[in-house]
Amino acid sequence: MSTNISNCPVCRLMRSLAFSGLGMAIGGGIAFLLGASRDQSLMAGIVTAAVLVFGIVDKKRK
């Protein structure tokens, strides 16, 4: 059993959810402020969230 509690599966899931929420807010908010439609803002938020989750979380594993 690992003694590193901050790397347990539940902790990784919660970090991913936090980064995806942050990415959605940043990407969607900026797109909306720049005049994008609602659909385009959602897509920008999804892409930004994916970049944050797969970019930042993957770097922590290395």
PDB file of N, CA and C in Angstrom:
ATOM      1  N   MET A   1       0.840  -1.189   0.000  1.00  0.00           N
ATOM      2  CA  MET A   1       0.000   0.000   0.000  1.00  0.00           C
ATOM      3  C   MET A   1       0.878   1.242   0.000  1.00  0.00           C
ATOM      4  N   SER A   2       0.499   2.195  -0.784  1.00  0.00           N
ATOM      5  CA  SER A   2       1.283   3.409  -0.930  1.00  0.00           C
ATOM      6  C   SER A   2       1.023   4.370   0.225  1.00  0.00           C
ATOM      7  N   THR A   3       2.067   5.063   0.625  1.00  0.00           N
ATOM      8  CA  THR A   3       1.913   6.055   1.694  1.00  0.00           C
ATOM      9  C   THR A   3       1.629   7.436   1.136  1.00  0.00           C
ATOM     10  N   ASN A   4       1.665   7.577  -0.181  1.00  0.00           N
ATOM     11  CA  ASN A   4       1.386   8.859  -0.826  1.00  0.00           C
ATOM     12  C   ASN A   4      -0.122   9.016  -0.987  1.00  0.00           C
ATOM     13  N   ILE A   5      -0.744   9.646  -0.023  1.00  0.00           N
ATOM     14  CA  ILE A   5      -2.202   9.761  -0.010  1.00  0.00           C
ATOM     15  C   ILE A   5      -2.696  10.719  -1.088  1.00  0.00           C
ATOM     16  N   SER A   6      -1.907  11.723  -1.453  1.00  0.00           N
ATOM     17  CA  SER A   6      -2.371  12.713  -2.435  1.00  0.00           C
ATOM     18  C   SER A   6      -2.428  12.153  -3.852  1.00  0.00           C
ATOM     19  N   ASN A   7      -1.987  10.938  -4.066  1.00  0.00           N
ATOM     20  CA  ASN A   7      -2.032  10.352  -5.402  1.00  0.00           C
ATOM     21  C   ASN A   7      -3.010   9.183  -5.472  1.00  0.00           C
ATOM     22  N   CYS A   8      -3.937   9.119  -4.557  1.00  0.00           N
ATOM     23  CA  CYS A   8      -4.927   8.047  -4.590  1.00  0.00           C
ATOM     24  C   CYS A   8      -5.910   8.296  -5.741  1.00  0.00           C
ATOM     25  N   PRO A   9      -6.634   7.287  -6.196  1.00  0.00           N
ATOM     26  CA  PRO A   9      -7.545   7.468  -7.336  1.00  0.00           C
ATOM     27  C   PRO A   9      -8.610   8.545  -7.107  1.00  0.00           C
ATOM     28  N   VAL A  10      -9.128   8.631  -5.908  1.00  0.00           N
ATOM     29  CA  VAL A  10     -10.156   9.639  -5.627  1.00  0.00           C
ATOM     30  C   VAL A  10      -9.551  11.045  -5.710  1.00  0.00           C
ATOM     31  N   CYS A  11      -8.331  11.190  -5.202  1.00  0.00           N
ATOM     32  CA  CYS A  11      -7.671  12.498  -5.263  1.00  0.00           C
ATOM     33  C   CYS A  11      -7.381  12.906  -6.701  1.00  0.00           C
ATOM     34  N   ARG A  12      -6.960  11.959  -7.526  1.00  0.00           N
ATOM     35  CA  ARG A  12      -6.717  12.260  -8.941  1.00  0.00           C
ATOM     36  C   ARG A  12      -8.007  12.646  -9.646  1.00  0.00           C
ATOM     37  N   LEU A  13      -9.096  11.966  -9.335  1.00  0.00           N
ATOM     38  CA  LEU A  13     -10.383  12.307  -9.925  1.00  0.00           C
ATOM     39  C   LEU A  13     -10.811  13.715  -9.519  1.00  0.00           C
ATOM     40  N   MET A  14     -10.654  14.040  -8.260  1.00  0.00           N
ATOM     41  CA  MET A  14     -11.059  15.366  -7.791  1.00  0.00           C
ATOM     42  C   MET A  14     -10.192  16.459  -8.421  1.00  0.00           C
ATOM     43  N   ARG A  15      -8.900  16.204  -8.591  1.00  0.00           N
ATOM     44  CA  ARG A  15      -8.039  17.178  -9.268  1.00  0.00           C
ATOM     45  C   ARG A  15      -8.469  17.359 -10.717  1.00  0.00           C
ATOM     46  N   SER A  16      -8.803  16.274 -11.395  1.00  0.00           N
ATOM     47  CA  SER A  16      -9.254  16.373 -12.781  1.00  0.00           C
ATOM     48  C   SER A  16     -10.551  17.159 -12.887  1.00  0.00           C
ATOM     49  N   LEU A  17     -11.461  16.930 -11.961  1.00  0.00           N
ATOM     50  CA  LEU A  17     -12.723  17.681 -11.973  1.00  0.00           C
ATOM     51  C   LEU A  17     -12.486  19.166 -11.714  1.00  0.00           C
ATOM     52  N   ALA A  18     -11.553  19.472 -10.816  1.00  0.00           N
ATOM     53  CA  ALA A  18     -11.248  20.877 -10.532  1.00  0.00           C
ATOM     54  C   ALA A  18     -10.631  21.561 -11.742  1.00  0.00           C
ATOM     55  N   PHE A  19      -9.673  20.873 -12.395  1.00  0.00           N
ATOM     56  CA  PHE A  19      -9.048  21.462 -13.571  1.00  0.00           C
ATOM     57  C   PHE A  19     -10.035  21.585 -14.724  1.00  0.00           C
ATOM     58  N   SER A  20     -10.946  20.627 -14.863  1.00  0.00           N
ATOM     59  CA  SER A  20     -11.912  20.726 -15.961  1.00  0.00           C
ATOM     60  C   SER A  20     -12.903  21.854 -15.709  1.00  0.00           C
ATOM     61  N   GLY A  21     -13.302  22.054 -14.472  1.00  0.00           N
ATOM     62  CA  GLY A  21     -14.183  23.175 -14.146  1.00  0.00           C
ATOM     63  C   GLY A  21     -13.501  24.513 -14.358  1.00  0.00           C
ATOM     64  N   LEU A  22     -12.243  24.586 -13.972  1.00  0.00           N
ATOM     65  CA  LEU A  22     -11.469  25.811 -14.168  1.00  0.00           C
ATOM     66  C   LEU A  22     -11.269  26.088 -15.654  1.00  0.00           C
ATOM     67  N   GLY A  23     -10.949  25.048 -16.406  1.00  0.00           N
ATOM     68  CA  GLY A  23     -10.765  25.213 -17.849  1.00  0.00           C
ATOM     69  C   GLY A  23     -12.048  25.622 -18.545  1.00  0.00           C
ATOM     70  N   MET A  24     -13.155  25.038 -18.123  1.00  0.00           N
ATOM     71  CA  MET A  24     -14.455  25.389 -18.715  1.00  0.00           C
ATOM     72  C   MET A  24     -14.783  26.852 -18.441  1.00  0.00           C
ATOM     73  N   ALA A  25     -14.522  27.309 -17.236  1.00  0.00           N
ATOM     74  CA  ALA A  25     -14.807  28.699 -16.881  1.00  0.00           C
ATOM     75  C   ALA A  25     -13.912  29.664 -17.657  1.00  0.00           C
ATOM     76  N   ILE A  26     -12.635  29.337 -17.743  1.00  0.00           N
ATOM     77  CA  ILE A  26     -11.700  30.229 -18.440  1.00  0.00           C
ATOM     78  C   ILE A  26     -12.004  30.268 -19.942  1.00  0.00           C
ATOM     79  N   GLY A  27     -12.054  29.097 -20.560  1.00  0.00           N
ATOM     80  CA  GLY A  27     -12.268  29.035 -22.011  1.00  0.00           C
ATOM     81  C   GLY A  27     -13.614  29.576 -22.438  1.00  0.00           C
ATOM     82  N   GLY A  28     -14.663  29.150 -21.760  1.00  0.00           N
ATOM     83  CA  GLY A  28     -15.999  29.617 -22.107  1.00  0.00           C
ATOM     84  C   GLY A  28     -16.195  31.089 -21.811  1.00  0.00           C
ATOM     85  N   GLY A  29     -15.651  31.532 -20.706  1.00  0.00           N
ATOM     86  CA  GLY A  29     -15.793  32.939 -20.327  1.00  0.00           C
ATOM     87  C   GLY A  29     -15.091  33.878 -21.283  1.00  0.00           C
ATOM     88  N   ILE A  30     -13.869  33.525 -21.652  1.00  0.00           N
ATOM     89  CA  ILE A  30     -13.123  34.376 -22.584  1.00  0.00           C
ATOM     90  C   ILE A  30     -13.793  34.386 -23.950  1.00  0.00           C
ATOM     91  N   ALA A  31     -14.230  33.217 -24.414  1.00  0.00           N
ATOM     92  CA  ALA A  31     -14.907  33.168 -25.711  1.00  0.00           C
ATOM     93  C   ALA A  31     -16.192  33.992 -25.691  1.00  0.00           C
ATOM     94  N   PHE A  32     -16.939  33.907 -24.596  1.00  0.00           N
ATOM     95  CA  PHE A  32     -18.181  34.674 -24.493  1.00  0.00           C
ATOM     96  C   PHE A  32     -17.895  36.172 -24.462  1.00  0.00           C
ATOM     97  N   LEU A  33     -16.851  36.569 -23.740  1.00  0.00           N
ATOM     98  CA  LEU A  33     -16.500  37.987 -23.679  1.00  0.00           C
ATOM     99  C   LEU A  33     -16.008  38.516 -25.024  1.00  0.00           C
ATOM    100  N   LEU A  34     -15.440  37.635 -25.837  1.00  0.00           N
ATOM    101  CA  LEU A  34     -14.984  38.056 -27.155  1.00  0.00           C
ATOM    102  C   LEU A  34     -16.099  38.052 -28.196  1.00  0.00           C
ATOM    103  N   GLY A  35     -17.306  37.702 -27.793  1.00  0.00           N
ATOM    104  CA  GLY A  35     -18.449  37.800 -28.683  1.00  0.00           C
ATOM    105  C   GLY A  35     -18.859  36.504 -29.350  1.00  0.00           C
ATOM    106  N   ALA A  36     -18.380  35.378 -28.865  1.00  0.00           N
ATOM    107  CA  ALA A  36     -18.759  34.093 -29.453  1.00  0.00           C
ATOM    108  C   ALA A  36     -20.189  33.747 -29.041  1.00  0.00           C
ATOM    109  N   SER A  37     -20.812  32.897 -29.838  1.00  0.00           N
ATOM    110  CA  SER A  37     -22.158  32.459 -29.495  1.00  0.00           C
ATOM    111  C   SER A  37     -22.093  31.475 -28.323  1.00  0.00           C
ATOM    112  N   ARG A  38     -23.251  31.099 -27.842  1.00  0.00           N
ATOM    113  CA  ARG A  38     -23.309  30.190 -26.696  1.00  0.00           C
ATOM    114  C   ARG A  38     -22.694  28.826 -27.028  1.00  0.00           C
ATOM    115  N   ASP A  39     -22.988  28.311 -28.209  1.00  0.00           N
ATOM    116  CA  ASP A  39     -22.441  27.021 -28.631  1.00  0.00           C
ATOM    117  C   ASP A  39     -20.926  27.083 -28.786  1.00  0.00           C
ATOM    118  N   GLN A  40     -20.448  28.158 -29.378  1.00  0.00           N
ATOM    119  CA  GLN A  40     -19.005  28.302 -29.552  1.00  0.00           C
ATOM    120  C   GLN A  40     -18.301  28.476 -28.210  1.00  0.00           C
ATOM    121  N   SER A  41     -18.939  29.147 -27.266  1.00  0.00           N
ATOM    122  CA  SER A  41     -18.362  29.312 -25.935  1.00  0.00           C
ATOM    123  C   SER A  41     -18.254  27.964 -25.223  1.00  0.00           C
ATOM    124  N   LEU A  42     -19.274  27.129 -25.361  1.00  0.00           N
ATOM    125  CA  LEU A  42     -19.218  25.796 -24.751  1.00  0.00           C
ATOM    126  C   LEU A  42     -18.115  24.948 -25.358  1.00  0.00           C
ATOM    127  N   MET A  43     -17.965  25.008 -26.672  1.00  0.00           N
ATOM    128  CA  MET A  43     -16.904  24.236 -27.326  1.00  0.00           C
ATOM    129  C   MET A  43     -15.525  24.732 -26.909  1.00  0.00           C
ATOM    130  N   ALA A  44     -15.360  26.036 -26.806  1.00  0.00           N
ATOM    131  CA  ALA A  44     -14.079  26.593 -26.364  1.00  0.00           C
ATOM    132  C   ALA A  44     -13.781  26.165 -24.925  1.00  0.00           C
ATOM    133  N   GLY A  45     -14.806  26.130 -24.093  1.00  0.00           N
ATOM    134  CA  GLY A  45     -14.625  25.682 -22.717  1.00  0.00           C
ATOM    135  C   GLY A  45     -14.233  24.220 -22.632  1.00  0.00           C
ATOM    136  N   ILE A  46     -14.852  23.385 -23.453  1.00  0.00           N
ATOM    137  CA  ILE A  46     -14.538  21.956 -23.456  1.00  0.00           C
ATOM    138  C   ILE A  46     -13.100  21.724 -23.908  1.00  0.00           C
ATOM    139  N   VAL A  47     -12.689  22.426 -24.953  1.00  0.00           N
ATOM    140  CA  VAL A  47     -11.318  22.271 -25.453  1.00  0.00           C
ATOM    141  C   VAL A  47     -10.304  22.753 -24.416  1.00  0.00           C
ATOM    142  N   THR A  48     -10.568  23.891 -23.792  1.00  0.00           N
ATOM    143  CA  THR A  48      -9.660  24.410 -22.773  1.00  0.00           C
ATOM    144  C   THR A  48      -9.586  23.467 -21.578  1.00  0.00           C
ATOM    145  N   ALA A  49     -10.707  22.914 -21.170  1.00  0.00           N
ATOM    146  CA  ALA A  49     -10.712  21.963 -20.058  1.00  0.00           C
ATOM    147  C   ALA A  49      -9.909  20.716 -20.396  1.00  0.00           C
ATOM    148  N   ALA A  50     -10.044  20.218 -21.614  1.00  0.00           N
ATOM    149  CA  ALA A  50      -9.284  19.032 -22.021  1.00  0.00           C
ATOM    150  C   ALA A  50      -7.787  19.320 -22.038  1.00  0.00           C
ATOM    151  N   VAL A  51      -7.411  20.488 -22.519  1.00  0.00           N
ATOM    152  CA  VAL A  51      -5.994  20.849 -22.534  1.00  0.00           C
ATOM    153  C   VAL A  51      -5.449  20.930 -21.107  1.00  0.00           C
ATOM    154  N   LEU A  52      -6.196  21.531 -20.210  1.00  0.00           N
ATOM    155  CA  LEU A  52      -5.730  21.624 -18.825  1.00  0.00           C
ATOM    156  C   LEU A  52      -5.623  20.257 -18.166  1.00  0.00           C
ATOM    157  N   VAL A  53      -6.640  19.441 -18.321  1.00  0.00           N
ATOM    158  CA  VAL A  53      -6.629  18.134 -17.654  1.00  0.00           C
ATOM    159  C   VAL A  53      -5.528  17.250 -18.212  1.00  0.00           C
ATOM    160  N   PHE A  54      -5.475  17.110 -19.532  1.00  0.00           N
ATOM    161  CA  PHE A  54      -4.495  16.195 -20.114  1.00  0.00           C
ATOM    162  C   PHE A  54      -3.098  16.786 -20.147  1.00  0.00           C
ATOM    163  N   GLY A  55      -2.992  18.104 -20.134  1.00  0.00           N
ATOM    164  CA  GLY A  55      -1.678  18.737 -20.139  1.00  0.00           C
ATOM    165  C   GLY A  55      -1.053  18.814 -18.772  1.00  0.00           C
ATOM    166  N   ILE A  56      -1.785  19.303 -17.795  1.00  0.00           N
ATOM    167  CA  ILE A  56      -1.226  19.495 -16.454  1.00  0.00           C
ATOM    168  C   ILE A  56      -1.155  18.191 -15.680  1.00  0.00           C
ATOM    169  N   VAL A  57      -2.199  17.396 -15.727  1.00  0.00           N
ATOM    170  CA  VAL A  57      -2.199  16.156 -14.966  1.00  0.00           C
ATOM    171  C   VAL A  57      -1.169  15.182 -15.519  1.00  0.00           C
ATOM    172  N   ASP A  58      -0.985  15.179 -16.837  1.00  0.00           N
ATOM    173  CA  ASP A  58      -0.003  14.277 -17.447  1.00  0.00           C
ATOM    174  C   ASP A  58       1.413  14.696 -17.080  1.00  0.00           C
ATOM    175  N   LYS A  59       1.675  16.000 -16.964  1.00  0.00           N
ATOM    176  CA  LYS A  59       3.007  16.451 -16.575  1.00  0.00           C
ATOM    177  C   LYS A  59       3.352  16.038 -15.150  1.00  0.00           C
ATOM    178  N   LYS A  60       2.343  15.967 -14.285  1.00  0.00           N
ATOM    179  CA  LYS A  60       2.601  15.582 -12.897  1.00  0.00           C
ATOM    180  C   LYS A  60       3.000  14.112 -12.784  1.00  0.00           C
ATOM    181  N   ARG A  61       2.570  13.290 -13.734  1.00  0.00           N
ATOM    182  CA  ARG A  61       2.907  11.862 -13.699  1.00  0.00           C
ATOM    183  C   ARG A  61       4.361  11.616 -14.072  1.00  0.00           C
ATOM    184  N   LYS A  62       4.951  12.494 -14.856  1.00  0.00           N
ATOM    185  CA  LYS A  62       6.340  12.305 -15.315  1.00  0.00           C
ATOM    186  C   LYS A  62       7.316  12.664 -14.281  1.00  0.00           C
TER     187      LYS A  62
END
